[in-house]
């Protein structure tokens, strides 16, 4: 018994699937729409993974006007540019991105709750 056949359990990483898909250089690059809970009933919707050739500020301006909410574009060192919107705008943002022709329906992943 020079080598032990013991398997050590690894820690569960809930974002391993998302990071594995983001790092792949395949033709399917997903747009991730997530919700983050703030304090109380307040929440924040983030849109990440849009192509770099799109103008994030113009998309944000249209989203804010369409859904009557405030938002901003945040520069993240790992994720790049991320659009943040106030409130739970997951369904609204996904339908807007599909109808505007920015992303196809099969390339959107909605996360949360």
PDB file of N, CA and C in Angstrom:
ATOM      1  N   UNK A   1       0.838  -1.192   0.000  1.00  0.00           N
ATOM      2  CA  UNK A   1       0.000   0.000   0.000  1.00  0.00           C
ATOM      3  C   UNK A   1       0.874   1.244   0.000  1.00  0.00           C
ATOM      4  N   UNK A   2       1.662   1.393  -1.029  1.00  0.00           N
ATOM      5  CA  UNK A   2       2.488   2.591  -1.132  1.00  0.00           C
ATOM      6  C   UNK A   2       1.648   3.805  -1.517  1.00  0.00           C
ATOM      7  N   UNK A   3       0.615   3.597  -2.305  1.00  0.00           N
ATOM      8  CA  UNK A   3      -0.270   4.699  -2.675  1.00  0.00           C
ATOM      9  C   UNK A   3      -1.626   4.471  -2.036  1.00  0.00           C
ATOM     10  N   UNK A   4      -2.153   5.513  -1.475  1.00  0.00           N
ATOM     11  CA  UNK A   4      -3.459   5.408  -0.843  1.00  0.00           C
ATOM     12  C   UNK A   4      -4.550   5.739  -1.852  1.00  0.00           C
ATOM     13  N   UNK A   5      -5.595   4.972  -1.844  1.00  0.00           N
ATOM     14  CA  UNK A   5      -6.720   5.194  -2.751  1.00  0.00           C
ATOM     15  C   UNK A   5      -7.816   5.972  -2.030  1.00  0.00           C
ATOM     16  N   UNK A   6      -7.446   7.092  -1.500  1.00  0.00           N
ATOM     17  CA  UNK A   6      -8.409   7.919  -0.781  1.00  0.00           C
ATOM     18  C   UNK A   6      -8.756   9.111  -1.654  1.00  0.00           C
ATOM     19  N   UNK A   7     -10.036   9.356  -1.796  1.00  0.00           N
ATOM     20  CA  UNK A   7     -10.477  10.522  -2.555  1.00  0.00           C
ATOM     21  C   UNK A   7     -10.865  11.615  -1.583  1.00  0.00           C
ATOM     22  N   UNK A   8     -10.277  12.760  -1.778  1.00  0.00           N
ATOM     23  CA  UNK A   8     -10.568  13.894  -0.923  1.00  0.00           C
ATOM     24  C   UNK A   8     -11.669  14.706  -1.596  1.00  0.00           C
ATOM     25  N   UNK A   9     -12.773  14.968  -0.893  1.00  0.00           N
ATOM     26  CA  UNK A   9     -13.851  15.742  -1.523  1.00  0.00           C
ATOM     27  C   UNK A   9     -13.420  17.194  -1.750  1.00  0.00           C
ATOM     28  N   UNK A  10     -13.778  17.716  -2.910  1.00  0.00           N
ATOM     29  CA  UNK A  10     -13.458  19.093  -3.243  1.00  0.00           C
ATOM     30  C   UNK A  10     -14.574  20.012  -2.776  1.00  0.00           C
ATOM     31  N   UNK A  11     -14.238  21.243  -2.529  1.00  0.00           N
ATOM     32  CA  UNK A  11     -15.247  22.217  -2.136  1.00  0.00           C
ATOM     33  C   UNK A  11     -16.144  22.505  -3.328  1.00  0.00           C
ATOM     34  N   UNK A  12     -17.435  22.697  -3.088  1.00  0.00           N
ATOM     35  CA  UNK A  12     -18.394  22.964  -4.155  1.00  0.00           C
ATOM     36  C   UNK A  12     -18.305  24.428  -4.570  1.00  0.00           C
ATOM     37  N   UNK A  13     -18.116  24.670  -5.857  1.00  0.00           N
ATOM     38  CA  UNK A  13     -18.044  26.027  -6.389  1.00  0.00           C
ATOM     39  C   UNK A  13     -19.290  26.279  -7.235  1.00  0.00           C
ATOM     40  N   UNK A  14     -20.242  27.125  -6.768  1.00  0.00           N
ATOM     41  CA  UNK A  14     -21.487  27.328  -7.519  1.00  0.00           C
ATOM     42  C   UNK A  14     -21.283  28.064  -8.837  1.00  0.00           C
ATOM     43  N   UNK A  15     -20.161  28.773  -8.998  1.00  0.00           N
ATOM     44  CA  UNK A  15     -19.918  29.536 -10.220  1.00  0.00           C
ATOM     45  C   UNK A  15     -18.965  28.814 -11.170  1.00  0.00           C
ATOM     46  N   UNK A  16     -18.623  27.561 -10.873  1.00  0.00           N
ATOM     47  CA  UNK A  16     -17.683  26.833 -11.721  1.00  0.00           C
ATOM     48  C   UNK A  16     -18.239  26.660 -13.128  1.00  0.00           C
ATOM     49  N   UNK A  17     -19.540  26.416 -13.244  1.00  0.00           N
ATOM     50  CA  UNK A  17     -20.158  26.237 -14.558  1.00  0.00           C
ATOM     51  C   UNK A  17     -20.079  27.519 -15.378  1.00  0.00           C
ATOM     52  N   UNK A  18     -20.356  28.650 -14.761  1.00  0.00           N
ATOM     53  CA  UNK A  18     -20.340  29.922 -15.480  1.00  0.00           C
ATOM     54  C   UNK A  18     -18.927  30.304 -15.900  1.00  0.00           C
ATOM     55  N   UNK A  19     -17.945  30.096 -15.025  1.00  0.00           N
ATOM     56  CA  UNK A  19     -16.580  30.472 -15.377  1.00  0.00           C
ATOM     57  C   UNK A  19     -16.007  29.523 -16.414  1.00  0.00           C
ATOM     58  N   UNK A  20     -16.399  28.259 -16.384  1.00  0.00           N
ATOM     59  CA  UNK A  20     -15.904  27.309 -17.378  1.00  0.00           C
ATOM     60  C   UNK A  20     -16.446  27.670 -18.756  1.00  0.00           C
ATOM     61  N   UNK A  21     -17.694  28.120 -18.824  1.00  0.00           N
ATOM     62  CA  UNK A  21     -18.274  28.493 -20.113  1.00  0.00           C
ATOM     63  C   UNK A  21     -17.702  29.811 -20.604  1.00  0.00           C
ATOM     64  N   UNK A  22     -17.406  30.740 -19.702  1.00  0.00           N
ATOM     65  CA  UNK A  22     -16.856  32.026 -20.110  1.00  0.00           C
ATOM     66  C   UNK A  22     -15.443  31.876 -20.639  1.00  0.00           C
ATOM     67  N   UNK A  23     -14.683  30.922 -20.102  1.00  0.00           N
ATOM     68  CA  UNK A  23     -13.300  30.785 -20.506  1.00  0.00           C
ATOM     69  C   UNK A  23     -13.155  30.033 -21.824  1.00  0.00           C
ATOM     70  N   UNK A  24     -14.202  29.316 -22.249  1.00  0.00           N
ATOM     71  CA  UNK A  24     -14.095  28.571 -23.497  1.00  0.00           C
ATOM     72  C   UNK A  24     -14.121  29.530 -24.681  1.00  0.00           C
ATOM     73  N   UNK A  25     -13.353  29.200 -25.696  1.00  0.00           N
ATOM     74  CA  UNK A  25     -13.238  30.061 -26.868  1.00  0.00           C
ATOM     75  C   UNK A  25     -14.175  29.599 -27.973  1.00  0.00           C
ATOM     76  N   UNK A  26     -15.250  28.899 -27.620  1.00  0.00           N
ATOM     77  CA  UNK A  26     -16.187  28.395 -28.616  1.00  0.00           C
ATOM     78  C   UNK A  26     -17.068  29.501 -29.167  1.00  0.00           C
ATOM     79  N   UNK A  27     -17.947  29.111 -30.080  1.00  0.00           N
ATOM     80  CA  UNK A  27     -18.815  30.101 -30.710  1.00  0.00           C
ATOM     81  C   UNK A  27     -19.970  30.491 -29.790  1.00  0.00           C
ATOM     82  N   UNK A  28     -20.284  29.661 -28.778  1.00  0.00           N
ATOM     83  CA  UNK A  28     -21.373  29.982 -27.865  1.00  0.00           C
ATOM     84  C   UNK A  28     -20.828  30.744 -26.666  1.00  0.00           C
ATOM     85  N   UNK A  29     -21.026  32.029 -26.669  1.00  0.00           N
ATOM     86  CA  UNK A  29     -20.683  32.835 -25.508  1.00  0.00           C
ATOM     87  C   UNK A  29     -21.987  33.323 -24.916  1.00  0.00           C
ATOM     88  N   UNK A  30     -22.185  33.027 -23.657  1.00  0.00           N
ATOM     89  CA  UNK A  30     -23.445  33.318 -23.004  1.00  0.00           C
ATOM     90  C   UNK A  30     -23.457  34.723 -22.412  1.00  0.00           C
ATOM     91  N   UNK A  31     -24.662  35.288 -22.361  1.00  0.00           N
ATOM     92  CA  UNK A  31     -24.910  36.528 -21.640  1.00  0.00           C
ATOM     93  C   UNK A  31     -25.597  36.119 -20.344  1.00  0.00           C
ATOM     94  N   UNK A  32     -24.995  36.471 -19.227  1.00  0.00           N
ATOM     95  CA  UNK A  32     -25.511  36.081 -17.921  1.00  0.00           C
ATOM     96  C   UNK A  32     -26.276  37.252 -17.321  1.00  0.00           C
ATOM     97  N   UNK A  33     -27.530  36.982 -16.932  1.00  0.00           N
ATOM     98  CA  UNK A  33     -28.362  37.980 -16.264  1.00  0.00           C
ATOM     99  C   UNK A  33     -28.616  37.468 -14.859  1.00  0.00           C
ATOM    100  N   UNK A  34     -28.125  38.219 -13.877  1.00  0.00           N
ATOM    101  CA  UNK A  34     -28.205  37.781 -12.481  1.00  0.00           C
ATOM    102  C   UNK A  34     -28.924  38.822 -11.637  1.00  0.00           C
ATOM    103  N   UNK A  35     -29.393  38.376 -10.489  1.00  0.00           N
ATOM    104  CA  UNK A  35     -29.979  39.288  -9.512  1.00  0.00           C
ATOM    105  C   UNK A  35     -29.177  39.185  -8.228  1.00  0.00           C
ATOM    106  N   UNK A  36     -28.936  40.342  -7.619  1.00  0.00           N
ATOM    107  CA  UNK A  36     -28.237  40.392  -6.335  1.00  0.00           C
ATOM    108  C   UNK A  36     -29.160  41.061  -5.328  1.00  0.00           C
ATOM    109  N   UNK A  37     -29.321  40.439  -4.184  1.00  0.00           N
ATOM    110  CA  UNK A  37     -30.175  40.996  -3.145  1.00  0.00           C
ATOM    111  C   UNK A  37     -29.404  42.046  -2.362  1.00  0.00           C
ATOM    112  N   UNK A  38     -30.020  43.203  -2.231  1.00  0.00           N
ATOM    113  CA  UNK A  38     -29.417  44.250  -1.401  1.00  0.00           C
ATOM    114  C   UNK A  38     -30.111  44.206  -0.046  1.00  0.00           C
ATOM    115  N   UNK A  39     -30.283  45.338   0.592  1.00  0.00           N
ATOM    116  CA  UNK A  39     -30.915  45.328   1.915  1.00  0.00           C
ATOM    117  C   UNK A  39     -32.440  45.412   1.767  1.00  0.00           C
ATOM    118  N   UNK A  40     -33.134  44.588   2.557  1.00  0.00           N
ATOM    119  CA  UNK A  40     -34.593  44.592   2.539  1.00  0.00           C
ATOM    120  C   UNK A  40     -35.147  44.041   1.237  1.00  0.00           C
ATOM    121  N   UNK A  41     -36.061  44.794   0.627  1.00  0.00           N
ATOM    122  CA  UNK A  41     -36.678  44.376  -0.634  1.00  0.00           C
ATOM    123  C   UNK A  41     -35.892  44.835  -1.843  1.00  0.00           C
ATOM    124  N   UNK A  42     -34.839  45.567  -1.645  1.00  0.00           N
ATOM    125  CA  UNK A  42     -34.071  46.140  -2.750  1.00  0.00           C
ATOM    126  C   UNK A  42     -33.241  45.055  -3.446  1.00  0.00           C
ATOM    127  N   UNK A  43     -33.162  45.152  -4.755  1.00  0.00           N
ATOM    128  CA  UNK A  43     -32.366  44.188  -5.504  1.00  0.00           C
ATOM    129  C   UNK A  43     -31.687  44.885  -6.677  1.00  0.00           C
ATOM    130  N   UNK A  44     -30.729  44.186  -7.264  1.00  0.00           N
ATOM    131  CA  UNK A  44     -29.899  44.734  -8.322  1.00  0.00           C
ATOM    132  C   UNK A  44     -29.777  43.670  -9.411  1.00  0.00           C
ATOM    133  N   UNK A  45     -30.008  44.046 -10.666  1.00  0.00           N
ATOM    134  CA  UNK A  45     -29.894  43.123 -11.787  1.00  0.00           C
ATOM    135  C   UNK A  45     -28.618  43.436 -12.548  1.00  0.00           C
ATOM    136  N   UNK A  46     -27.809  42.413 -12.833  1.00  0.00           N
ATOM    137  CA  UNK A  46     -26.569  42.617 -13.578  1.00  0.00           C
ATOM    138  C   UNK A  46     -26.632  41.851 -14.895  1.00  0.00           C
ATOM    139  N   UNK A  47     -26.131  42.491 -15.949  1.00  0.00           N
ATOM    140  CA  UNK A  47     -26.047  41.881 -17.278  1.00  0.00           C
ATOM    141  C   UNK A  47     -24.578  41.830 -17.651  1.00  0.00           C
ATOM    142  N   UNK A  48     -24.069  40.642 -17.882  1.00  0.00           N
ATOM    143  CA  UNK A  48     -22.642  40.470 -18.167  1.00  0.00           C
ATOM    144  C   UNK A  48     -22.468  39.550 -19.357  1.00  0.00           C
ATOM    145  N   UNK A  49     -21.405  39.776 -20.115  1.00  0.00           N
ATOM    146  CA  UNK A  49     -21.074  38.886 -21.213  1.00  0.00           C
ATOM    147  C   UNK A  49     -21.471  39.390 -22.579  1.00  0.00           C
ATOM    148  N   UNK A  50     -21.906  40.643 -22.683  1.00  0.00           N
ATOM    149  CA  UNK A  50     -22.217  41.195 -23.997  1.00  0.00           C
ATOM    150  C   UNK A  50     -20.927  41.373 -24.789  1.00  0.00           C
ATOM    151  N   UNK A  51     -21.023  41.357 -26.100  1.00  0.00           N
ATOM    152  CA  UNK A  51     -19.842  41.513 -26.934  1.00  0.00           C
ATOM    153  C   UNK A  51     -19.282  42.917 -26.785  1.00  0.00           C
ATOM    154  N   UNK A  52     -17.978  43.031 -26.966  1.00  0.00           N
ATOM    155  CA  UNK A  52     -17.300  44.305 -26.740  1.00  0.00           C
ATOM    156  C   UNK A  52     -17.603  45.345 -27.807  1.00  0.00           C
ATOM    157  N   UNK A  53     -18.081  44.925 -28.978  1.00  0.00           N
ATOM    158  CA  UNK A  53     -18.342  45.900 -30.035  1.00  0.00           C
ATOM    159  C   UNK A  53     -19.617  46.704 -29.797  1.00  0.00           C
ATOM    160  N   UNK A  54     -20.462  46.266 -28.854  1.00  0.00           N
ATOM    161  CA  UNK A  54     -21.668  47.020 -28.526  1.00  0.00           C
ATOM    162  C   UNK A  54     -21.331  48.202 -27.631  1.00  0.00           C
ATOM    163  N   UNK A  55     -22.103  49.270 -27.787  1.00  0.00           N
ATOM    164  CA  UNK A  55     -21.947  50.431 -26.916  1.00  0.00           C
ATOM    165  C   UNK A  55     -22.782  50.195 -25.660  1.00  0.00           C
ATOM    166  N   UNK A  56     -22.103  49.944 -24.565  1.00  0.00           N
ATOM    167  CA  UNK A  56     -22.797  49.634 -23.316  1.00  0.00           C
ATOM    168  C   UNK A  56     -23.641  50.817 -22.840  1.00  0.00           C
ATOM    169  N   UNK A  57     -23.137  52.023 -23.043  1.00  0.00           N
ATOM    170  CA  UNK A  57     -23.872  53.197 -22.578  1.00  0.00           C
ATOM    171  C   UNK A  57     -25.168  53.396 -23.346  1.00  0.00           C
ATOM    172  N   UNK A  58     -25.184  53.094 -24.642  1.00  0.00           N
ATOM    173  CA  UNK A  58     -26.420  53.225 -25.417  1.00  0.00           C
ATOM    174  C   UNK A  58     -27.429  52.153 -25.027  1.00  0.00           C
ATOM    175  N   UNK A  59     -26.948  50.933 -24.803  1.00  0.00           N
ATOM    176  CA  UNK A  59     -27.839  49.863 -24.351  1.00  0.00           C
ATOM    177  C   UNK A  59     -28.423  50.214 -22.993  1.00  0.00           C
ATOM    178  N   UNK A  60     -27.574  50.734 -22.095  1.00  0.00           N
ATOM    179  CA  UNK A  60     -28.035  51.125 -20.766  1.00  0.00           C
ATOM    180  C   UNK A  60     -29.079  52.234 -20.854  1.00  0.00           C
ATOM    181  N   UNK A  61     -28.844  53.198 -21.709  1.00  0.00           N
ATOM    182  CA  UNK A  61     -29.787  54.311 -21.862  1.00  0.00           C
ATOM    183  C   UNK A  61     -31.154  53.800 -22.315  1.00  0.00           C
ATOM    184  N   UNK A  62     -31.171  52.877 -23.273  1.00  0.00           N
ATOM    185  CA  UNK A  62     -32.432  52.311 -23.747  1.00  0.00           C
ATOM    186  C   UNK A  62     -33.109  51.462 -22.675  1.00  0.00           C
ATOM    187  N   UNK A  63     -32.325  50.684 -21.924  1.00  0.00           N
ATOM    188  CA  UNK A  63     -32.894  49.867 -20.842  1.00  0.00           C
ATOM    189  C   UNK A  63     -33.527  50.747 -19.768  1.00  0.00           C
ATOM    190  N   UNK A  64     -32.827  51.823 -19.394  1.00  0.00           N
ATOM    191  CA  UNK A  64     -33.340  52.714 -18.356  1.00  0.00           C
ATOM    192  C   UNK A  64     -34.630  53.387 -18.808  1.00  0.00           C
ATOM    193  N   UNK A  65     -34.690  53.803 -20.069  1.00  0.00           N
ATOM    194  CA  UNK A  65     -35.886  54.473 -20.577  1.00  0.00           C
ATOM    195  C   UNK A  65     -37.046  53.496 -20.712  1.00  0.00           C
ATOM    196  N   UNK A  66     -36.748  52.277 -21.130  1.00  0.00           N
ATOM    197  CA  UNK A  66     -37.790  51.269 -21.355  1.00  0.00           C
ATOM    198  C   UNK A  66     -38.422  50.803 -20.044  1.00  0.00           C
ATOM    199  N   UNK A  67     -37.620  50.593 -19.010  1.00  0.00           N
ATOM    200  CA  UNK A  67     -38.111  49.992 -17.769  1.00  0.00           C
ATOM    201  C   UNK A  67     -38.271  50.981 -16.625  1.00  0.00           C
ATOM    202  N   UNK A  68     -38.033  52.264 -16.858  1.00  0.00           N
ATOM    203  CA  UNK A  68     -38.190  53.307 -15.829  1.00  0.00           C
ATOM    204  C   UNK A  68     -37.408  52.961 -14.566  1.00  0.00           C
ATOM    205  N   UNK A  69     -36.133  52.653 -14.729  1.00  0.00           N
ATOM    206  CA  UNK A  69     -35.281  52.352 -13.586  1.00  0.00           C
ATOM    207  C   UNK A  69     -33.929  53.010 -13.814  1.00  0.00           C
ATOM    208  N   UNK A  70     -33.146  53.102 -12.766  1.00  0.00           N
ATOM    209  CA  UNK A  70     -31.822  53.675 -12.872  1.00  0.00           C
ATOM    210  C   UNK A  70     -30.811  52.548 -13.091  1.00  0.00           C
ATOM    211  N   UNK A  71     -29.633  52.897 -13.588  1.00  0.00           N
ATOM    212  CA  UNK A  71     -28.617  51.887 -13.818  1.00  0.00           C
ATOM    213  C   UNK A  71     -27.278  52.524 -14.112  1.00  0.00           C
ATOM    214  N   UNK A  72     -26.258  51.680 -14.203  1.00  0.00           N
ATOM    215  CA  UNK A  72     -24.908  52.148 -14.462  1.00  0.00           C
ATOM    216  C   UNK A  72     -24.107  51.047 -15.140  1.00  0.00           C
ATOM    217  N   UNK A  73     -23.001  51.430 -15.754  1.00  0.00           N
ATOM    218  CA  UNK A  73     -22.052  50.469 -16.320  1.00  0.00           C
ATOM    219  C   UNK A  73     -20.837  50.448 -15.410  1.00  0.00           C
ATOM    220  N   UNK A  74     -20.478  49.264 -14.913  1.00  0.00           N
ATOM    221  CA  UNK A  74     -19.377  49.105 -13.964  1.00  0.00           C
ATOM    222  C   UNK A  74     -18.260  48.340 -14.652  1.00  0.00           C
ATOM    223  N   UNK A  75     -17.028  48.798 -14.471  1.00  0.00           N
ATOM    224  CA  UNK A  75     -15.859  48.105 -15.013  1.00  0.00           C
ATOM    225  C   UNK A  75     -15.316  47.153 -13.954  1.00  0.00           C
ATOM    226  N   UNK A  76     -15.384  45.857 -14.220  1.00  0.00           N
ATOM    227  CA  UNK A  76     -14.899  44.843 -13.292  1.00  0.00           C
ATOM    228  C   UNK A  76     -13.596  44.271 -13.845  1.00  0.00           C
ATOM    229  N   UNK A  77     -12.570  44.059 -12.991  1.00  0.00           N
ATOM    230  CA  UNK A  77     -11.290  43.554 -13.503  1.00  0.00           C
ATOM    231  C   UNK A  77     -11.380  42.142 -14.089  1.00  0.00           C
ATOM    232  N   UNK A  78     -12.255  41.278 -13.548  1.00  0.00           N
ATOM    233  CA  UNK A  78     -12.372  39.911 -14.038  1.00  0.00           C
ATOM    234  C   UNK A  78     -13.410  39.771 -15.143  1.00  0.00           C
ATOM    235  N   UNK A  79     -14.557  40.440 -14.970  1.00  0.00           N
ATOM    236  CA  UNK A  79     -15.685  40.236 -15.862  1.00  0.00           C
ATOM    237  C   UNK A  79     -15.779  41.252 -16.984  1.00  0.00           C
ATOM    238  N   UNK A  80     -14.995  42.293 -16.940  1.00  0.00           N
ATOM    239  CA  UNK A  80     -15.088  43.345 -17.948  1.00  0.00           C
ATOM    240  C   UNK A  80     -16.189  44.329 -17.587  1.00  0.00           C
ATOM    241  N   UNK A  81     -16.900  44.831 -18.597  1.00  0.00           N
ATOM    242  CA  UNK A  81     -17.973  45.779 -18.333  1.00  0.00           C
ATOM    243  C   UNK A  81     -19.247  45.031 -17.988  1.00  0.00           C
ATOM    244  N   UNK A  82     -19.925  45.495 -16.940  1.00  0.00           N
ATOM    245  CA  UNK A  82     -21.154  44.884 -16.464  1.00  0.00           C
ATOM    246  C   UNK A  82     -22.204  45.976 -16.339  1.00  0.00           C
ATOM    247  N   UNK A  83     -23.404  45.714 -16.861  1.00  0.00           N
ATOM    248  CA  UNK A  83     -24.513  46.654 -16.731  1.00  0.00           C
ATOM    249  C   UNK A  83     -25.274  46.313 -15.464  1.00  0.00           C
ATOM    250  N   UNK A  84     -25.511  47.313 -14.614  1.00  0.00           N
ATOM    251  CA  UNK A  84     -26.285  47.129 -13.388  1.00  0.00           C
ATOM    252  C   UNK A  84     -27.566  47.933 -13.492  1.00  0.00           C
ATOM    253  N   UNK A  85     -28.690  47.305 -13.141  1.00  0.00           N
ATOM    254  CA  UNK A  85     -29.994  47.956 -13.150  1.00  0.00           C
ATOM    255  C   UNK A  85     -30.646  47.802 -11.785  1.00  0.00           C
ATOM    256  N   UNK A  86     -31.402  48.815 -11.383  1.00  0.00           N
ATOM    257  CA  UNK A  86     -32.104  48.737 -10.107  1.00  0.00           C
ATOM    258  C   UNK A  86     -33.346  47.871 -10.263  1.00  0.00           C
ATOM    259  N   UNK A  87     -33.597  47.045  -9.263  1.00  0.00           N
ATOM    260  CA  UNK A  87     -34.791  46.213  -9.243  1.00  0.00           C
ATOM    261  C   UNK A  87     -34.578  44.887  -9.943  1.00  0.00           C
ATOM    262  N   UNK A  88     -35.618  44.075  -9.929  1.00  0.00           N
ATOM    263  CA  UNK A  88     -35.585  42.761 -10.574  1.00  0.00           C
ATOM    264  C   UNK A  88     -36.013  42.934 -12.029  1.00  0.00           C
ATOM    265  N   UNK A  89     -35.056  43.088 -12.913  1.00  0.00           N
ATOM    266  CA  UNK A  89     -35.322  43.328 -14.331  1.00  0.00           C
ATOM    267  C   UNK A  89     -34.838  42.158 -15.192  1.00  0.00           C
ATOM    268  N   UNK A  90     -34.775  40.954 -14.625  1.00  0.00           N
ATOM    269  CA  UNK A  90     -34.219  39.813 -15.359  1.00  0.00           C
ATOM    270  C   UNK A  90     -35.027  39.485 -16.606  1.00  0.00           C
ATOM    271  N   UNK A  91     -36.324  39.308 -16.460  1.00  0.00           N
ATOM    272  CA  UNK A  91     -37.174  38.958 -17.616  1.00  0.00           C
ATOM    273  C   UNK A  91     -37.218  40.110 -18.609  1.00  0.00           C
ATOM    274  N   UNK A  92     -37.347  41.336 -18.094  1.00  0.00           N
ATOM    275  CA  UNK A  92     -37.414  42.501 -18.978  1.00  0.00           C
ATOM    276  C   UNK A  92     -36.134  42.655 -19.789  1.00  0.00           C
ATOM    277  N   UNK A  93     -34.988  42.510 -19.128  1.00  0.00           N
ATOM    278  CA  UNK A  93     -33.715  42.686 -19.816  1.00  0.00           C
ATOM    279  C   UNK A  93     -33.513  41.597 -20.869  1.00  0.00           C
ATOM    280  N   UNK A  94     -33.893  40.359 -20.558  1.00  0.00           N
ATOM    281  CA  UNK A  94     -33.711  39.283 -21.532  1.00  0.00           C
ATOM    282  C   UNK A  94     -34.598  39.491 -22.754  1.00  0.00           C
ATOM    283  N   UNK A  95     -35.863  39.874 -22.562  1.00  0.00           N
ATOM    284  CA  UNK A  95     -36.744  40.106 -23.712  1.00  0.00           C
ATOM    285  C   UNK A  95     -36.270  41.318 -24.519  1.00  0.00           C
ATOM    286  N   UNK A  96     -35.749  42.337 -23.850  1.00  0.00           N
ATOM    287  CA  UNK A  96     -35.243  43.513 -24.566  1.00  0.00           C
ATOM    288  C   UNK A  96     -34.048  43.148 -25.434  1.00  0.00           C
ATOM    289  N   UNK A  97     -33.109  42.379 -24.885  1.00  0.00           N
ATOM    290  CA  UNK A  97     -31.917  41.997 -25.635  1.00  0.00           C
ATOM    291  C   UNK A  97     -32.265  41.109 -26.832  1.00  0.00           C
ATOM    292  N   UNK A  98     -33.295  40.267 -26.684  1.00  0.00           N
ATOM    293  CA  UNK A  98     -33.709  39.401 -27.777  1.00  0.00           C
ATOM    294  C   UNK A  98     -34.414  40.218 -28.863  1.00  0.00           C
ATOM    295  N   UNK A  99     -35.339  41.098 -28.459  1.00  0.00           N
ATOM    296  CA  UNK A  99     -36.099  41.884 -29.435  1.00  0.00           C
ATOM    297  C   UNK A  99     -35.224  42.892 -30.162  1.00  0.00           C
ATOM    298  N   UNK A 100     -34.202  43.413 -29.497  1.00  0.00           N
ATOM    299  CA  UNK A 100     -33.309  44.375 -30.134  1.00  0.00           C
ATOM    300  C   UNK A 100     -32.321  43.685 -31.073  1.00  0.00           C
ATOM    301  N   UNK A 101     -32.237  42.364 -31.009  1.00  0.00           N
ATOM    302  CA  UNK A 101     -31.339  41.628 -31.885  1.00  0.00           C
ATOM    303  C   UNK A 101     -29.902  41.629 -31.409  1.00  0.00           C
ATOM    304  N   UNK A 102     -29.690  41.927 -30.133  1.00  0.00           N
ATOM    305  CA  UNK A 102     -28.336  41.965 -29.582  1.00  0.00           C
ATOM    306  C   UNK A 102     -27.842  40.554 -29.291  1.00  0.00           C
ATOM    307  N   UNK A 103     -28.746  39.709 -28.747  1.00  0.00           N
ATOM    308  CA  UNK A 103     -28.384  38.349 -28.353  1.00  0.00           C
ATOM    309  C   UNK A 103     -29.502  37.409 -28.793  1.00  0.00           C
ATOM    310  N   UNK A 104     -29.142  36.176 -29.161  1.00  0.00           N
ATOM    311  CA  UNK A 104     -30.150  35.165 -29.452  1.00  0.00           C
ATOM    312  C   UNK A 104     -30.653  34.562 -28.144  1.00  0.00           C
ATOM    313  N   UNK A 105     -31.862  34.011 -28.203  1.00  0.00           N
ATOM    314  CA  UNK A 105     -32.492  33.482 -26.992  1.00  0.00           C
ATOM    315  C   UNK A 105     -31.689  32.349 -26.361  1.00  0.00           C
ATOM    316  N   UNK A 106     -31.067  31.499 -27.194  1.00  0.00           N
ATOM    317  CA  UNK A 106     -30.329  30.355 -26.643  1.00  0.00           C
ATOM    318  C   UNK A 106     -28.991  30.748 -26.043  1.00  0.00           C
ATOM    319  N   UNK A 107     -28.580  31.998 -26.190  1.00  0.00           N
ATOM    320  CA  UNK A 107     -27.304  32.466 -25.638  1.00  0.00           C
ATOM    321  C   UNK A 107     -27.480  33.242 -24.340  1.00  0.00           C
ATOM    322  N   UNK A 108     -28.705  33.249 -23.779  1.00  0.00           N
ATOM    323  CA  UNK A 108     -28.971  33.974 -22.534  1.00  0.00           C
ATOM    324  C   UNK A 108     -29.172  32.976 -21.415  1.00  0.00           C
ATOM    325  N   UNK A 109     -28.507  33.227 -20.286  1.00  0.00           N
ATOM    326  CA  UNK A 109     -28.714  32.423 -19.084  1.00  0.00           C
ATOM    327  C   UNK A 109     -29.172  33.363 -17.981  1.00  0.00           C
ATOM    328  N   UNK A 110     -30.314  33.032 -17.370  1.00  0.00           N
ATOM    329  CA  UNK A 110     -30.867  33.830 -16.279  1.00  0.00           C
ATOM    330  C   UNK A 110     -30.610  33.088 -14.987  1.00  0.00           C
ATOM    331  N   UNK A 111     -29.959  33.778 -14.027  1.00  0.00           N
ATOM    332  CA  UNK A 111     -29.601  33.169 -12.744  1.00  0.00           C
ATOM    333  C   UNK A 111     -30.387  33.861 -11.626  1.00  0.00           C
ATOM    334  N   UNK A 112     -30.533  33.189 -10.517  1.00  0.00           N
ATOM    335  CA  UNK A 112     -31.107  33.799  -9.313  1.00  0.00           C
ATOM    336  C   UNK A 112     -32.377  33.137  -8.855  1.00  0.00           C
ATOM    337  N   UNK A 113     -32.608  33.213  -7.609  1.00  0.00           N
ATOM    338  CA  UNK A 113     -33.755  32.693  -6.873  1.00  0.00           C
ATOM    339  C   UNK A 113     -34.204  31.380  -7.449  1.00  0.00           C
TER     340      UNK A 113
END
